[in-house]
Amino acid sequence: MSAAPLSLSLSLRPWRAEDAAAVLAAFEAPEMSRQADEPVDSLVAAAGWIERRARDSHADRAHAFAVTDENDTALGNVAVGAVNRAHSTGWVSYWTTPATRGRGVAAYGCAALARWCFDELGLYRLELGHRTNNPASCGVALAAGFAVEGLQRQKLAYDGVRYDVELHARLAG
């Protein structure tokens, strides 16, 4: 059963040092280990995660934003990585805190991030992928305007199991 959609005002902003507790809380969910470039198991590690997002943005490698509510509370993350200026493309990823899953936070964040990527970065094509056994993630992609493009067979491996990935894309036009 999914939770009711949030009836609040959402926005994107860069991650800040004071968000470390929210990042740590999000990464306490077991499935979040797949979303981390390094373990996020302490406030120091969460602060490092935030610092790496800022460095990536400064280098124009990737841009990550907190999805926040009207109280400026971080509810999730949306990011564009693998930014390729030659082809004007990027790869979108996202996560939300367990308490806000199924409530439109990720879909809002992905749609807002896409607009930002097209308007501010000048990107033309954004891609994202999800395991085919994750229908919630597919729902996020579709709600954010990402069309299904195909299947990448056995692309990901977690704990010795290979997973098919459904590829989605959204174009600036």
C-alpha atoms as a PDB file:
ATOM      1  CA  MET A   1       0.000   0.000   0.000  1.00  0.00           C
ATOM      2  CA  SER A   2       1.457   3.361  -0.954  1.00  0.00           C
ATOM      3  CA  ALA A   3       1.155   6.419   1.214  1.00  0.00           C
ATOM      4  CA  ALA A   4      -0.943   9.392   0.238  1.00  0.00           C
ATOM      5  CA  PRO A   5       0.774  12.013  -1.922  1.00  0.00           C
ATOM      6  CA  LEU A   6       2.319  14.862  -0.006  1.00  0.00           C
ATOM      7  CA  SER A   7       0.241  18.019   0.016  1.00  0.00           C
ATOM      8  CA  LEU A   8       3.070  20.428   0.527  1.00  0.00           C
ATOM      9  CA  SER A   9       5.364  22.674  -1.371  1.00  0.00           C
ATOM     10  CA  LEU A  10       8.506  20.931  -2.584  1.00  0.00           C
ATOM     11  CA  SER A  11      11.677  22.499  -3.942  1.00  0.00           C
ATOM     12  CA  LEU A  12      15.270  21.688  -4.858  1.00  0.00           C
ATOM     13  CA  ARG A  13      18.364  23.177  -3.279  1.00  0.00           C
ATOM     14  CA  PRO A  14      22.020  22.220  -3.019  1.00  0.00           C
ATOM     15  CA  TRP A  15      22.956  19.950  -0.138  1.00  0.00           C
ATOM     16  CA  ARG A  16      24.344  21.772   2.914  1.00  0.00           C
ATOM     17  CA  ALA A  17      26.557  20.695   5.803  1.00  0.00           C
ATOM     18  CA  GLU A  18      23.623  20.948   8.218  1.00  0.00           C
ATOM     19  CA  ASP A  19      21.843  18.202   6.218  1.00  0.00           C
ATOM     20  CA  ALA A  20      24.280  15.539   7.474  1.00  0.00           C
ATOM     21  CA  ALA A  21      21.781  14.098   9.980  1.00  0.00           C
ATOM     22  CA  ALA A  22      19.120  13.756   7.261  1.00  0.00           C
ATOM     23  CA  VAL A  23      21.618  12.059   4.931  1.00  0.00           C
ATOM     24  CA  LEU A  24      22.670   9.665   7.681  1.00  0.00           C
ATOM     25  CA  ALA A  25      19.043   8.821   8.477  1.00  0.00           C
ATOM     26  CA  ALA A  26      18.309   8.104   4.809  1.00  0.00           C
ATOM     27  CA  PHE A  27      21.327   5.814   4.463  1.00  0.00           C
ATOM     28  CA  GLU A  28      20.300   3.782   7.497  1.00  0.00           C
ATOM     29  CA  ALA A  29      17.786   1.976   5.243  1.00  0.00           C
ATOM     30  CA  PRO A  30      19.501  -1.274   4.125  1.00  0.00           C
ATOM     31  CA  GLU A  31      18.745  -0.810   0.415  1.00  0.00           C
ATOM     32  CA  MET A  32      20.476   2.581   0.415  1.00  0.00           C
ATOM     33  CA  SER A  33      23.957   1.038   0.478  1.00  0.00           C
ATOM     34  CA  ARG A  34      23.630   0.716  -3.316  1.00  0.00           C
ATOM     35  CA  GLN A  35      23.206   4.490  -3.591  1.00  0.00           C
ATOM     36  CA  ALA A  36      26.452   5.401  -1.811  1.00  0.00           C
ATOM     37  CA  ASP A  37      29.873   5.840  -3.380  1.00  0.00           C
ATOM     38  CA  GLU A  38      31.301   5.193   0.122  1.00  0.00           C
ATOM     39  CA  PRO A  39      29.605   3.880   3.282  1.00  0.00           C
ATOM     40  CA  VAL A  40      27.445   6.492   5.028  1.00  0.00           C
ATOM     41  CA  ASP A  41      27.385   5.141   8.561  1.00  0.00           C
ATOM     42  CA  SER A  42      28.177   8.171  10.726  1.00  0.00           C
ATOM     43  CA  LEU A  43      27.650  11.929  10.775  1.00  0.00           C
ATOM     44  CA  VAL A  44      31.248  12.341   9.596  1.00  0.00           C
ATOM     45  CA  ALA A  45      30.598  10.011   6.651  1.00  0.00           C
ATOM     46  CA  ALA A  46      27.348  11.852   5.840  1.00  0.00           C
ATOM     47  CA  ALA A  47      29.234  15.158   5.869  1.00  0.00           C
ATOM     48  CA  GLY A  48      31.768  13.594   3.500  1.00  0.00           C
ATOM     49  CA  TRP A  49      28.940  12.490   1.192  1.00  0.00           C
ATOM     50  CA  ILE A  50      27.698  16.096   1.080  1.00  0.00           C
ATOM     51  CA  GLU A  51      31.220  17.448   0.468  1.00  0.00           C
ATOM     52  CA  ARG A  52      31.706  15.044  -2.455  1.00  0.00           C
ATOM     53  CA  ARG A  53      28.443  16.267  -4.015  1.00  0.00           C
ATOM     54  CA  ALA A  54      29.737  19.853  -3.806  1.00  0.00           C
ATOM     55  CA  ARG A  55      33.110  18.906  -5.357  1.00  0.00           C
ATOM     56  CA  ASP A  56      31.401  17.030  -8.202  1.00  0.00           C
ATOM     57  CA  SER A  57      29.175  20.022  -8.911  1.00  0.00           C
ATOM     58  CA  HIS A  58      32.109  22.430  -8.886  1.00  0.00           C
ATOM     59  CA  ALA A  59      33.911  20.174 -11.393  1.00  0.00           C
ATOM     60  CA  ASP A  60      30.711  19.863 -13.505  1.00  0.00           C
ATOM     61  CA  ARG A  61      30.873  16.050 -13.220  1.00  0.00           C
ATOM     62  CA  ALA A  62      27.563  15.700 -11.401  1.00  0.00           C
ATOM     63  CA  HIS A  63      24.992  17.919  -9.701  1.00  0.00           C
ATOM     64  CA  ALA A  64      22.977  16.752  -6.691  1.00  0.00           C
ATOM     65  CA  PHE A  65      20.112  18.497  -4.930  1.00  0.00           C
ATOM     66  CA  ALA A  66      18.119  17.936  -1.798  1.00  0.00           C
ATOM     67  CA  VAL A  67      14.374  17.725  -2.397  1.00  0.00           C
ATOM     68  CA  THR A  68      12.936  19.744   0.478  1.00  0.00           C
ATOM     69  CA  ASP A  69       9.546  20.517   1.963  1.00  0.00           C
ATOM     70  CA  GLU A  70       8.174  23.925   2.976  1.00  0.00           C
ATOM     71  CA  ASN A  71      10.184  23.690   6.223  1.00  0.00           C
ATOM     72  CA  ASP A  72      13.421  23.155   4.249  1.00  0.00           C
ATOM     73  CA  THR A  73      13.639  19.572   5.505  1.00  0.00           C
ATOM     74  CA  ALA A  74      15.533  17.264   3.156  1.00  0.00           C
ATOM     75  CA  LEU A  75      13.210  14.460   1.990  1.00  0.00           C
ATOM     76  CA  GLY A  76      15.383  12.975  -0.714  1.00  0.00           C
ATOM     77  CA  ASN A  77      18.038  13.443  -3.359  1.00  0.00           C
ATOM     78  CA  VAL A  78      18.021  13.929  -7.111  1.00  0.00           C
ATOM     79  CA  ALA A  79      21.185  14.082  -9.154  1.00  0.00           C
ATOM     80  CA  VAL A  80      22.485  14.199 -12.664  1.00  0.00           C
ATOM     81  CA  GLY A  81      25.810  12.479 -13.220  1.00  0.00           C
ATOM     82  CA  ALA A  82      27.922  11.328 -16.131  1.00  0.00           C
ATOM     83  CA  VAL A  83      27.443  14.804 -17.602  1.00  0.00           C
ATOM     84  CA  ASN A  84      28.733  14.694 -21.162  1.00  0.00           C
ATOM     85  CA  ARG A  85      29.033  18.173 -22.667  1.00  0.00           C
ATOM     86  CA  ALA A  86      30.004  16.875 -26.129  1.00  0.00           C
ATOM     87  CA  HIS A  87      26.676  15.060 -26.451  1.00  0.00           C
ATOM     88  CA  SER A  88      24.647  17.187 -23.985  1.00  0.00           C
ATOM     89  CA  THR A  89      23.601  14.150 -21.956  1.00  0.00           C
ATOM     90  CA  GLY A  90      23.389  13.148 -18.319  1.00  0.00           C
ATOM     91  CA  TRP A  91      22.331  10.241 -16.091  1.00  0.00           C
ATOM     92  CA  VAL A  92      19.637  10.869 -13.466  1.00  0.00           C
ATOM     93  CA  SER A  93      19.486   9.155 -10.102  1.00  0.00           C
ATOM     94  CA  TYR A  94      17.281   9.659  -7.082  1.00  0.00           C
ATOM     95  CA  TRP A  95      16.356   8.438  -3.635  1.00  0.00           C
ATOM     96  CA  THR A  96      13.971   9.453  -0.901  1.00  0.00           C
ATOM     97  CA  THR A  97      13.814   8.860   2.812  1.00  0.00           C
ATOM     98  CA  PRO A  98      11.788   5.784   3.764  1.00  0.00           C
ATOM     99  CA  ALA A  99       9.075   7.968   5.356  1.00  0.00           C
ATOM    100  CA  THR A 100       8.391   9.843   2.111  1.00  0.00           C
ATOM    101  CA  ARG A 101       8.483   6.975  -0.398  1.00  0.00           C
ATOM    102  CA  GLY A 102       5.417   6.646  -2.581  1.00  0.00           C
ATOM    103  CA  ARG A 103       4.329  10.230  -1.945  1.00  0.00           C
ATOM    104  CA  GLY A 104       5.538  12.037  -5.083  1.00  0.00           C
ATOM    105  CA  VAL A 105       8.822  13.401  -3.726  1.00  0.00           C
ATOM    106  CA  ALA A 106      11.072  11.553  -6.196  1.00  0.00           C
ATOM    107  CA  ALA A 107       8.801  12.274  -9.175  1.00  0.00           C
ATOM    108  CA  TYR A 108       8.706  15.979  -8.310  1.00  0.00           C
ATOM    109  CA  GLY A 109      12.472  16.010  -7.811  1.00  0.00           C
ATOM    110  CA  CYS A 110      13.233  14.249 -11.100  1.00  0.00           C
ATOM    111  CA  ALA A 111      10.923  16.524 -13.090  1.00  0.00           C
ATOM    112  CA  ALA A 112      12.388  19.652 -11.451  1.00  0.00           C
ATOM    113  CA  LEU A 113      15.929  18.366 -11.986  1.00  0.00           C
ATOM    114  CA  ALA A 114      15.185  17.708 -15.667  1.00  0.00           C
ATOM    115  CA  ARG A 115      13.975  21.280 -16.139  1.00  0.00           C
ATOM    116  CA  TRP A 116      17.113  22.569 -14.409  1.00  0.00           C
ATOM    117  CA  CYS A 117      19.366  20.357 -16.561  1.00  0.00           C
ATOM    118  CA  PHE A 118      17.735  21.552 -19.770  1.00  0.00           C
ATOM    119  CA  ASP A 119      17.526  25.239 -18.789  1.00  0.00           C
ATOM    120  CA  GLU A 120      20.717  25.740 -16.764  1.00  0.00           C
ATOM    121  CA  LEU A 121      23.150  23.082 -17.988  1.00  0.00           C
ATOM    122  CA  GLY A 122      21.974  23.121 -21.586  1.00  0.00           C
ATOM    123  CA  LEU A 123      21.651  19.341 -21.674  1.00  0.00           C
ATOM    124  CA  TYR A 124      19.450  17.782 -24.332  1.00  0.00           C
ATOM    125  CA  ARG A 125      19.015  14.155 -23.233  1.00  0.00           C
ATOM    126  CA  LEU A 126      18.651  12.688 -19.752  1.00  0.00           C
ATOM    127  CA  GLU A 127      18.640   8.969 -19.040  1.00  0.00           C
ATOM    128  CA  LEU A 128      17.819   6.865 -16.005  1.00  0.00           C
ATOM    129  CA  GLY A 129      17.463   3.198 -15.334  1.00  0.00           C
ATOM    130  CA  HIS A 130      15.865   0.959 -12.736  1.00  0.00           C
ATOM    131  CA  ARG A 131      15.803  -2.746 -12.005  1.00  0.00           C
ATOM    132  CA  THR A 132      12.770  -4.336 -13.629  1.00  0.00           C
ATOM    133  CA  ASN A 133      11.764  -5.751 -10.244  1.00  0.00           C
ATOM    134  CA  ASN A 134      11.340  -2.193  -8.907  1.00  0.00           C
ATOM    135  CA  PRO A 135       7.944  -0.977 -10.185  1.00  0.00           C
ATOM    136  CA  ALA A 136       7.964   2.011  -7.806  1.00  0.00           C
ATOM    137  CA  SER A 137      11.061   3.385  -9.495  1.00  0.00           C
ATOM    138  CA  CYS A 138       9.431   2.876 -12.881  1.00  0.00           C
ATOM    139  CA  GLY A 139       6.456   4.892 -11.640  1.00  0.00           C
ATOM    140  CA  VAL A 140       8.786   7.728 -10.618  1.00  0.00           C
ATOM    141  CA  ALA A 141      10.406   7.789 -14.052  1.00  0.00           C
ATOM    142  CA  LEU A 142       7.097   7.819 -15.908  1.00  0.00           C
ATOM    143  CA  ALA A 143       5.562  10.462 -13.625  1.00  0.00           C
ATOM    144  CA  ALA A 144       8.620  12.684 -14.194  1.00  0.00           C
ATOM    145  CA  GLY A 145       8.221  12.465 -17.974  1.00  0.00           C
ATOM    146  CA  PHE A 146      10.884   9.850 -18.751  1.00  0.00           C
ATOM    147  CA  ALA A 147       9.758   7.531 -21.558  1.00  0.00           C
ATOM    148  CA  VAL A 148      10.657   3.834 -21.624  1.00  0.00           C
ATOM    149  CA  GLU A 149      13.307   3.133 -24.252  1.00  0.00           C
ATOM    150  CA  GLY A 150      14.366  -0.433 -23.709  1.00  0.00           C
ATOM    151  CA  LEU A 151      15.762  -3.232 -21.638  1.00  0.00           C
ATOM    152  CA  GLN A 152      19.386  -3.682 -20.631  1.00  0.00           C
ATOM    153  CA  ARG A 153      19.680  -7.380 -19.881  1.00  0.00           C
ATOM    154  CA  GLN A 154      21.515  -8.387 -16.701  1.00  0.00           C
ATOM    155  CA  LYS A 155      23.197  -4.999 -16.407  1.00  0.00           C
ATOM    156  CA  LEU A 156      23.438  -4.811 -12.605  1.00  0.00           C
ATOM    157  CA  ALA A 157      24.796  -7.325 -10.102  1.00  0.00           C
ATOM    158  CA  TYR A 158      23.915  -7.204  -6.400  1.00  0.00           C
ATOM    159  CA  ASP A 159      24.919  -9.946  -3.988  1.00  0.00           C
ATOM    160  CA  GLY A 160      25.757 -12.306  -6.845  1.00  0.00           C
ATOM    161  CA  VAL A 161      22.420 -11.856  -8.634  1.00  0.00           C
ATOM    162  CA  ARG A 162      22.160 -10.182 -12.061  1.00  0.00           C
ATOM    163  CA  TYR A 163      19.254  -7.819 -12.735  1.00  0.00           C
ATOM    164  CA  ASP A 164      17.708  -6.502 -15.926  1.00  0.00           C
ATOM    165  CA  VAL A 165      17.411  -2.719 -16.112  1.00  0.00           C
ATOM    166  CA  GLU A 166      14.709  -0.769 -17.897  1.00  0.00           C
ATOM    167  CA  LEU A 167      16.102   2.353 -19.558  1.00  0.00           C
ATOM    168  CA  HIS A 168      14.109   5.595 -19.639  1.00  0.00           C
ATOM    169  CA  ALA A 169      14.975   8.928 -21.240  1.00  0.00           C
ATOM    170  CA  ARG A 170      13.654  12.465 -21.413  1.00  0.00           C
ATOM    171  CA  LEU A 171      14.546  14.969 -24.095  1.00  0.00           C
ATOM    172  CA  ALA A 172      14.681  18.740 -23.836  1.00  0.00           C
ATOM    173  CA  GLY A 173      12.290  19.084 -26.772  1.00  0.00           C
END
